[in-house]
C-alpha atoms as a PDB file:
ATOM      1  CA  MET A   1       4.341 103.768-166.342  1.00  0.00           C
ATOM      2  CA  GLY A   2       3.369 102.891-162.826  1.00  0.00           C
ATOM      3  CA  ALA A   3       0.296 105.175-162.686  1.00  0.00           C
ATOM      4  CA  ARG A   4      -2.507 104.257-160.305  1.00  0.00           C
ATOM      5  CA  VAL A   5      -5.719 103.806-162.276  1.00  0.00           C
ATOM      6  CA  VAL A   6      -9.370 102.821-161.919  1.00  0.00           C
ATOM      7  CA  GLY A   7     -11.955 101.733-164.427  1.00  0.00           C
ATOM      8  CA  TYR A   8     -15.027  99.610-165.124  1.00  0.00           C
ATOM      9  CA  LEU A   9     -14.855  96.251-166.855  1.00  0.00           C
ATOM     10  CA  PRO A  10     -17.897  94.128-167.734  1.00  0.00           C
ATOM     11  CA  GLU A  11     -16.061  90.998-166.468  1.00  0.00           C
ATOM     12  CA  GLY A  12     -13.248  90.127-164.096  1.00  0.00           C
ATOM     13  CA  ALA A  13     -14.918  90.757-160.740  1.00  0.00           C
ATOM     14  CA  TRP A  14     -13.074  89.393-157.716  1.00  0.00           C
ATOM     15  CA  ALA A  15      -9.965  88.717-159.829  1.00  0.00           C
ATOM     16  CA  GLU A  16      -6.584  89.790-158.476  1.00  0.00           C
ATOM     17  CA  ARG A  17      -5.345  90.613-161.991  1.00  0.00           C
ATOM     18  CA  VAL A  18      -7.194  91.458-165.202  1.00  0.00           C
ATOM     19  CA  ALA A  19      -6.316  92.951-168.564  1.00  0.00           C
ATOM     20  CA  ALA A  20      -8.006  96.273-169.297  1.00  0.00           C
ATOM     21  CA  PRO A  21      -8.136  98.540-172.399  1.00  0.00           C
ATOM     22  CA  LYS A  22      -6.289 101.798-171.764  1.00  0.00           C
ATOM     23  CA  ASN A  23      -9.204 104.005-172.892  1.00  0.00           C
ATOM     24  CA  ALA A  24     -11.378 102.482-170.146  1.00  0.00           C
ATOM     25  CA  LEU A  25      -9.116 103.643-167.346  1.00  0.00           C
ATOM     26  CA  ALA A  26      -8.729 106.931-165.510  1.00  0.00           C
ATOM     27  CA  GLU A  27      -5.688 107.971-163.438  1.00  0.00           C
ATOM     28  CA  LEU A  28      -6.258 108.334-159.697  1.00  0.00           C
ATOM     29  CA  PRO A  29      -5.538 111.696-158.020  1.00  0.00           C
ATOM     30  CA  ASP A  30      -3.113 111.498-155.096  1.00  0.00           C
ATOM     31  CA  LYS A  31      -5.901 112.125-152.601  1.00  0.00           C
ATOM     32  CA  VAL A  32      -8.046 109.177-153.694  1.00  0.00           C
ATOM     33  CA  THR A  33      -7.156 105.738-152.276  1.00  0.00           C
ATOM     34  CA  PHE A  34      -7.576 102.446-154.098  1.00  0.00           C
ATOM     35  CA  SER A  35     -10.291 101.428-151.614  1.00  0.00           C
ATOM     36  CA  GLN A  36     -12.223 104.642-152.309  1.00  0.00           C
ATOM     37  CA  ALA A  37     -11.834 104.277-156.060  1.00  0.00           C
ATOM     38  CA  ALA A  38     -13.012 100.669-156.000  1.00  0.00           C
ATOM     39  CA  THR A  39     -16.437 101.820-154.773  1.00  0.00           C
ATOM     40  CA  PHE A  40     -17.602 103.699-157.841  1.00  0.00           C
ATOM     41  CA  PRO A  41     -16.799 102.146-161.216  1.00  0.00           C
ATOM     42  CA  VAL A  42     -20.233 100.518-161.039  1.00  0.00           C
ATOM     43  CA  ALA A  43     -22.119 102.189-158.141  1.00  0.00           C
ATOM     44  CA  GLY A  44     -20.926 105.758-158.696  1.00  0.00           C
ATOM     45  CA  LEU A  45     -21.378 105.656-162.472  1.00  0.00           C
ATOM     46  CA  THR A  46     -24.842 104.118-162.162  1.00  0.00           C
ATOM     47  CA  ALA A  47     -25.922 106.909-159.763  1.00  0.00           C
ATOM     48  CA  LEU A  48     -24.394 109.606-161.995  1.00  0.00           C
ATOM     49  CA  HIS A  49     -26.067 108.388-165.171  1.00  0.00           C
ATOM     50  CA  ALA A  50     -29.427 107.664-163.509  1.00  0.00           C
ATOM     51  CA  LEU A  51     -29.581 111.191-162.100  1.00  0.00           C
ATOM     52  CA  ALA A  52     -28.534 112.644-165.496  1.00  0.00           C
ATOM     53  CA  LYS A  53     -31.667 111.079-167.053  1.00  0.00           C
ATOM     54  CA  GLY A  54     -33.718 113.530-164.967  1.00  0.00           C
ATOM     55  CA  GLY A  55     -31.968 116.586-166.447  1.00  0.00           C
ATOM     56  CA  SER A  56     -31.414 119.611-164.192  1.00  0.00           C
ATOM     57  CA  LEU A  57     -32.050 118.732-160.589  1.00  0.00           C
ATOM     58  CA  LEU A  58     -31.951 122.309-159.248  1.00  0.00           C
ATOM     59  CA  GLY A  59     -34.998 122.887-157.062  1.00  0.00           C
ATOM     60  CA  HIS A  60     -36.518 119.491-157.861  1.00  0.00           C
ATOM     61  CA  ARG A  61     -37.600 116.839-155.446  1.00  0.00           C
ATOM     62  CA  VAL A  62     -35.797 113.503-155.775  1.00  0.00           C
ATOM     63  CA  LEU A  63     -36.784 110.268-154.059  1.00  0.00           C
ATOM     64  CA  ILE A  64     -34.130 107.543-153.720  1.00  0.00           C
ATOM     65  CA  THR A  65     -35.292 104.124-152.540  1.00  0.00           C
ATOM     66  CA  GLY A  66     -32.850 101.683-150.985  1.00  0.00           C
ATOM     67  CA  ALA A  67     -30.588 104.631-150.310  1.00  0.00           C
ATOM     68  CA  THR A  68     -28.316 102.678-147.980  1.00  0.00           C
ATOM     69  CA  GLY A  69     -27.171 100.446-150.849  1.00  0.00           C
ATOM     70  CA  GLY A  70     -24.077 100.759-152.996  1.00  0.00           C
ATOM     71  CA  VAL A  71     -25.657 103.043-155.597  1.00  0.00           C
ATOM     72  CA  GLY A  72     -27.989 104.831-153.235  1.00  0.00           C
ATOM     73  CA  ASP A  73     -25.402 106.519-151.048  1.00  0.00           C
ATOM     74  CA  PHE A  74     -23.752 108.030-154.145  1.00  0.00           C
ATOM     75  CA  ALA A  75     -27.155 109.026-155.547  1.00  0.00           C
ATOM     76  CA  VAL A  76     -28.031 110.868-152.350  1.00  0.00           C
ATOM     77  CA  GLN A  77     -24.789 112.855-152.439  1.00  0.00           C
ATOM     78  CA  LEU A  78     -24.893 113.650-156.161  1.00  0.00           C
ATOM     79  CA  ALA A  79     -28.589 114.692-156.088  1.00  0.00           C
ATOM     80  CA  ARG A  80     -27.824 117.058-153.151  1.00  0.00           C
ATOM     81  CA  LEU A  81     -24.793 118.495-155.042  1.00  0.00           C
ATOM     82  CA  GLY A  82     -27.075 119.031-158.046  1.00  0.00           C
ATOM     83  CA  GLY A  83     -29.394 121.258-156.005  1.00  0.00           C
ATOM     84  CA  ALA A  84     -32.234 118.762-155.427  1.00  0.00           C
ATOM     85  CA  HIS A  85     -34.316 118.328-152.284  1.00  0.00           C
ATOM     86  CA  VAL A  86     -33.458 114.719-151.470  1.00  0.00           C
ATOM     87  CA  THR A  87     -35.676 112.166-149.762  1.00  0.00           C
ATOM     88  CA  ALA A  88     -34.070 108.824-149.041  1.00  0.00           C
ATOM     89  CA  THR A  89     -35.681 105.562-147.865  1.00  0.00           C
ATOM     90  CA  ALA A  90     -34.128 103.100-145.424  1.00  0.00           C
ATOM     91  CA  ARG A  91     -35.126  99.785-143.895  1.00  0.00           C
ATOM     92  CA  ARG A  92     -34.262 100.721-140.298  1.00  0.00           C
ATOM     93  CA  ALA A  93     -34.376 103.859-138.163  1.00  0.00           C
ATOM     94  CA  ASP A  94     -30.719 103.484-137.133  1.00  0.00           C
ATOM     95  CA  GLN A  95     -29.708 104.059-140.773  1.00  0.00           C
ATOM     96  CA  ALA A  96     -31.332 107.507-140.946  1.00  0.00           C
ATOM     97  CA  PRO A  97     -28.447 109.535-139.301  1.00  0.00           C
ATOM     98  CA  ALA A  98     -25.963 108.234-141.845  1.00  0.00           C
ATOM     99  CA  LEU A  99     -28.230 109.148-144.769  1.00  0.00           C
ATOM    100  CA  ARG A 100     -28.688 112.655-143.427  1.00  0.00           C
ATOM    101  CA  GLN A 101     -24.966 112.991-143.055  1.00  0.00           C
ATOM    102  CA  LEU A 102     -24.602 112.040-146.731  1.00  0.00           C
ATOM    103  CA  GLY A 103     -26.992 114.872-147.663  1.00  0.00           C
ATOM    104  CA  ALA A 104     -30.572 113.599-147.448  1.00  0.00           C
ATOM    105  CA  HIS A 105     -32.953 116.297-146.375  1.00  0.00           C
ATOM    106  CA  ASP A 106     -35.623 113.761-145.352  1.00  0.00           C
ATOM    107  CA  VAL A 107     -35.479 110.025-144.553  1.00  0.00           C
ATOM    108  CA  VAL A 108     -38.429 107.621-144.802  1.00  0.00           C
ATOM    109  CA  VAL A 109     -38.050 104.469-142.705  1.00  0.00           C
ATOM    110  CA  GLY A 110     -39.916 101.512-144.169  1.00  0.00           C
ATOM    111  CA  ALA A 111     -42.089 101.295-147.259  1.00  0.00           C
ATOM    112  CA  GLU A 112     -44.766 103.801-146.367  1.00  0.00           C
ATOM    113  CA  ILE A 113     -44.193 107.030-148.328  1.00  0.00           C
ATOM    114  CA  ALA A 114     -46.406 110.037-147.523  1.00  0.00           C
ATOM    115  CA  PRO A 115     -48.852 110.983-150.312  1.00  0.00           C
ATOM    116  CA  SER A 116     -47.267 114.426-150.601  1.00  0.00           C
ATOM    117  CA  PRO A 117     -45.101 116.033-151.751  1.00  0.00           C
ATOM    118  CA  LYS A 118     -44.756 114.568-155.225  1.00  0.00           C
ATOM    119  CA  TYR A 119     -41.316 113.882-156.758  1.00  0.00           C
ATOM    120  CA  ASN A 120     -39.885 115.046-160.064  1.00  0.00           C
ATOM    121  CA  LEU A 121     -37.495 112.061-160.125  1.00  0.00           C
ATOM    122  CA  ILE A 122     -37.555 108.694-158.392  1.00  0.00           C
ATOM    123  CA  LEU A 123     -34.622 106.313-158.416  1.00  0.00           C
ATOM    124  CA  ASP A 124     -35.686 102.815-157.409  1.00  0.00           C
ATOM    125  CA  SER A 125     -33.384  99.923-156.646  1.00  0.00           C
ATOM    126  CA  VAL A 126     -36.082  97.656-155.193  1.00  0.00           C
ATOM    127  CA  GLY A 127     -38.597  96.901-157.970  1.00  0.00           C
ATOM    128  CA  GLY A 128     -40.948  93.990-157.106  1.00  0.00           C
ATOM    129  CA  PRO A 129     -44.537  94.340-156.042  1.00  0.00           C
ATOM    130  CA  GLY A 130     -44.002  97.781-154.564  1.00  0.00           C
ATOM    131  CA  PHE A 131     -42.829  99.332-157.799  1.00  0.00           C
ATOM    132  CA  ALA A 132     -46.330 100.249-159.008  1.00  0.00           C
ATOM    133  CA  GLY A 133     -46.979 102.100-155.779  1.00  0.00           C
ATOM    134  CA  LEU A 134     -44.202 104.596-156.617  1.00  0.00           C
ATOM    135  CA  PHE A 135     -46.276 105.994-159.440  1.00  0.00           C
ATOM    136  CA  GLU A 136     -48.567 107.599-156.862  1.00  0.00           C
ATOM    137  CA  HIS A 137     -45.676 109.780-155.762  1.00  0.00           C
ATOM    138  CA  VAL A 138     -44.530 111.167-159.137  1.00  0.00           C
ATOM    139  CA  ALA A 139     -45.220 114.759-160.145  1.00  0.00           C
ATOM    140  CA  PRO A 140     -46.651 115.460-163.627  1.00  0.00           C
ATOM    141  CA  LEU A 141     -43.938 114.953-166.262  1.00  0.00           C
ATOM    142  CA  GLY A 142     -41.964 113.117-163.583  1.00  0.00           C
ATOM    143  CA  LEU A 143     -39.584 110.279-164.211  1.00  0.00           C
ATOM    144  CA  VAL A 144     -39.110 106.948-162.459  1.00  0.00           C
ATOM    145  CA  ILE A 145     -35.825 105.103-163.065  1.00  0.00           C
ATOM    146  CA  LEU A 146     -35.581 101.433-162.127  1.00  0.00           C
ATOM    147  CA  TYR A 147     -31.920 100.421-161.780  1.00  0.00           C
ATOM    148  CA  GLY A 148     -32.160  97.419-159.421  1.00  0.00           C
ATOM    149  CA  SER A 149     -34.388  94.486-158.501  1.00  0.00           C
ATOM    150  CA  LEU A 150     -33.806  93.638-154.851  1.00  0.00           C
ATOM    151  CA  GLY A 151     -37.483  92.768-154.559  1.00  0.00           C
ATOM    152  CA  GLY A 152     -37.687  91.087-157.974  1.00  0.00           C
ATOM    153  CA  TRP A 153     -38.581  92.538-161.371  1.00  0.00           C
ATOM    154  CA  PRO A 154     -41.952  94.274-161.515  1.00  0.00           C
ATOM    155  CA  ASP A 155     -44.767  93.008-163.711  1.00  0.00           C
ATOM    156  CA  ALA A 156     -44.062  94.039-167.302  1.00  0.00           C
ATOM    157  CA  ASP A 157     -47.669  95.299-167.669  1.00  0.00           C
ATOM    158  CA  VAL A 158     -47.563  97.595-164.647  1.00  0.00           C
ATOM    159  CA  VAL A 159     -46.552 100.762-166.517  1.00  0.00           C
ATOM    160  CA  PRO A 160     -49.308 100.622-169.221  1.00  0.00           C
ATOM    161  CA  ALA A 161     -51.849  99.768-166.532  1.00  0.00           C
ATOM    162  CA  MET A 162     -50.913 102.732-164.344  1.00  0.00           C
ATOM    163  CA  ARG A 163     -50.983 105.079-167.261  1.00  0.00           C
ATOM    164  CA  LYS A 164     -54.392 103.877-168.357  1.00  0.00           C
ATOM    165  CA  SER A 165     -55.731 104.391-164.860  1.00  0.00           C
ATOM    166  CA  GLY A 166     -54.873 108.092-165.051  1.00  0.00           C
ATOM    167  CA  LYS A 167     -52.997 108.012-161.796  1.00  0.00           C
ATOM    168  CA  SER A 168     -49.708 109.051-163.343  1.00  0.00           C
ATOM    169  CA  PRO A 169     -50.293 111.681-166.119  1.00  0.00           C
ATOM    170  CA  ALA A 170     -47.347 112.024-168.492  1.00  0.00           C
ATOM    171  CA  LEU A 171     -45.286 109.626-166.391  1.00  0.00           C
ATOM    172  CA  ARG A 172     -41.977 108.545-167.885  1.00  0.00           C
ATOM    173  CA  VAL A 173     -40.395 105.248-166.842  1.00  0.00           C
ATOM    174  CA  PHE A 174     -36.877 104.174-167.668  1.00  0.00           C
ATOM    175  CA  SER A 175     -35.342 100.806-166.889  1.00  0.00           C
ATOM    176  CA  MET A 176     -31.537 101.081-166.706  1.00  0.00           C
ATOM    177  CA  HIS A 177     -29.679  97.811-167.179  1.00  0.00           C
ATOM    178  CA  THR A 178     -26.333  99.449-167.893  1.00  0.00           C
ATOM    179  CA  PHE A 179     -25.005 102.987-167.725  1.00  0.00           C
ATOM    180  CA  ASP A 180     -22.877 103.250-170.879  1.00  0.00           C
ATOM    181  CA  ASP A 181     -21.323 101.045-173.503  1.00  0.00           C
ATOM    182  CA  ASP A 182     -18.802 103.650-174.619  1.00  0.00           C
ATOM    183  CA  PRO A 183     -15.425 103.287-172.820  1.00  0.00           C
ATOM    184  CA  ALA A 184     -14.485 106.896-173.524  1.00  0.00           C
ATOM    185  CA  ALA A 185     -17.754 108.147-172.017  1.00  0.00           C
ATOM    186  CA  ARG A 186     -17.291 105.954-168.952  1.00  0.00           C
ATOM    187  CA  ARG A 187     -13.773 107.317-168.609  1.00  0.00           C
ATOM    188  CA  GLY A 188     -15.049 110.940-168.722  1.00  0.00           C
ATOM    189  CA  ALA A 189     -17.718 110.224-166.116  1.00  0.00           C
ATOM    190  CA  THR A 190     -15.157 108.401-163.943  1.00  0.00           C
ATOM    191  CA  GLU A 191     -12.798 111.394-164.103  1.00  0.00           C
ATOM    192  CA  ALA A 192     -15.691 113.664-163.038  1.00  0.00           C
ATOM    193  CA  LEU A 193     -16.353 111.489-160.011  1.00  0.00           C
ATOM    194  CA  LEU A 194     -12.631 111.405-159.174  1.00  0.00           C
ATOM    195  CA  ARG A 195     -12.469 115.195-159.186  1.00  0.00           C
ATOM    196  CA  MET A 196     -15.397 115.400-156.790  1.00  0.00           C
ATOM    197  CA  MET A 197     -13.890 112.743-154.565  1.00  0.00           C
ATOM    198  CA  SER A 198     -10.460 114.401-154.611  1.00  0.00           C
ATOM    199  CA  SER A 199     -11.954 117.764-153.609  1.00  0.00           C
ATOM    200  CA  GLY A 200     -13.833 116.147-150.742  1.00  0.00           C
ATOM    201  CA  VAL A 201     -17.403 116.972-151.894  1.00  0.00           C
ATOM    202  CA  LEU A 202     -18.111 113.282-152.706  1.00  0.00           C
ATOM    203  CA  ARG A 203     -17.221 110.493-150.313  1.00  0.00           C
ATOM    204  CA  PRO A 204     -17.881 106.734-150.477  1.00  0.00           C
ATOM    205  CA  ALA A 205     -19.456 105.049-147.459  1.00  0.00           C
ATOM    206  CA  ILE A 206     -17.215 102.060-146.805  1.00  0.00           C
ATOM    207  CA  GLN A 207     -18.434  99.775-144.014  1.00  0.00           C
ATOM    208  CA  GLU A 208     -15.545  97.295-144.225  1.00  0.00           C
ATOM    209  CA  ARG A 209     -12.472  96.359-146.210  1.00  0.00           C
ATOM    210  CA  VAL A 210     -12.568  92.574-146.645  1.00  0.00           C
ATOM    211  CA  PRO A 211      -9.648  90.274-147.703  1.00  0.00           C
ATOM    212  CA  LEU A 212     -10.348  88.561-151.027  1.00  0.00           C
ATOM    213  CA  ALA A 213     -10.112  85.171-149.280  1.00  0.00           C
ATOM    214  CA  GLU A 214     -13.238  86.188-147.288  1.00  0.00           C
ATOM    215  CA  ALA A 215     -15.320  87.098-150.391  1.00  0.00           C
ATOM    216  CA  ALA A 216     -17.997  84.550-149.464  1.00  0.00           C
ATOM    217  CA  ARG A 217     -18.462  86.235-146.098  1.00  0.00           C
ATOM    218  CA  ALA A 218     -18.759  89.645-147.793  1.00  0.00           C
ATOM    219  CA  GLN A 219     -21.378  88.238-150.195  1.00  0.00           C
ATOM    220  CA  ALA A 220     -23.382  86.849-147.313  1.00  0.00           C
ATOM    221  CA  GLN A 221     -23.270  90.248-145.580  1.00  0.00           C
ATOM    222  CA  LEU A 222     -24.515  91.976-148.691  1.00  0.00           C
ATOM    223  CA  GLU A 223     -27.368  89.517-149.051  1.00  0.00           C
ATOM    224  CA  SER A 224     -28.378  90.021-145.427  1.00  0.00           C
ATOM    225  CA  GLY A 225     -29.213  93.642-146.054  1.00  0.00           C
ATOM    226  CA  ARG A 226     -27.125  94.782-143.101  1.00  0.00           C
ATOM    227  CA  VAL A 227     -24.464  96.682-145.111  1.00  0.00           C
ATOM    228  CA  LEU A 228     -24.559 100.474-145.149  1.00  0.00           C
ATOM    229  CA  GLY A 229     -22.784 101.606-148.326  1.00  0.00           C
ATOM    230  CA  LYS A 230     -19.943  99.453-149.578  1.00  0.00           C
ATOM    231  CA  LEU A 231     -17.762  96.443-148.817  1.00  0.00           C
ATOM    232  CA  VAL A 232     -14.378  96.609-150.515  1.00  0.00           C
ATOM    233  CA  LEU A 233     -12.507  93.393-151.362  1.00  0.00           C
ATOM    234  CA  LYS A 234      -8.760  93.617-150.921  1.00  0.00           C
ATOM    235  CA  PRO A 235      -6.609  91.380-153.217  1.00  0.00           C
END
C-alpha cells in the first residue's frame, strides 16, 4: 500500500485520477521522481522497442530524425548505450549541443543528410514527403522504422517504388503504431528503463513542468516545435 508507481494506459491522458490494472504498473525506485517517470511510459517505451527491432546495435550506425522530440532524446541515449554510432537530426543549430550531451556522436541540422556513411538503422518520426529520401541512406539489409508522422504519413506506394528502383537493396521498413499490447511485457520494459534511470545512465530531458490548468499552453508549445525533450503536466 502507498507505493509510488508508473505505467502506460491507452486512455486517461491529462486526467488527475485514473483506474489502472496492477499488472500494467511498475514501482518507482527512490531515486526516480514522478516528473521523470512521467516522461517515458510512451516516449521511452517507444524508443526502446523501436531500437530493439534493429537487433544488436553494437558497432552499427543509427540515424534518428527529429531527435529533439519526446521519443528522440530517449532513442539517442539508448542507442549510444547499446554501442551504436549515433547521428541525430535537429531543426536548429542551437539544439545541437543538447543532443551531443545526450550522446549523439554527430548532429545534422536541417533536412540535408550527407550521402555517406550509410546507416544500419534509421528511426524516423517525421514521415511525409521526405520519408522516401531516407532510403538513400540505408545500408544493405538496413532497417527504417517509422514511428511518427510530424510531416504527414508518407505515400503508401513509396516503399515498393523504392525497392523496384534498386536504390535500397534488401531494405526493410517497419511502421510502428504501438509498442506492445501485452501489459506484462510493458511492465518489464518499464522496469528496465527505471533501472537505467535510477542508476543515472538514462535521463529524461524535461524543458518545463506545467500545471494541468495550463495544458492548452503546453499543447501549443509542442505544436510550435520549440520544445526540446519533454513537457510534464502536473496535476
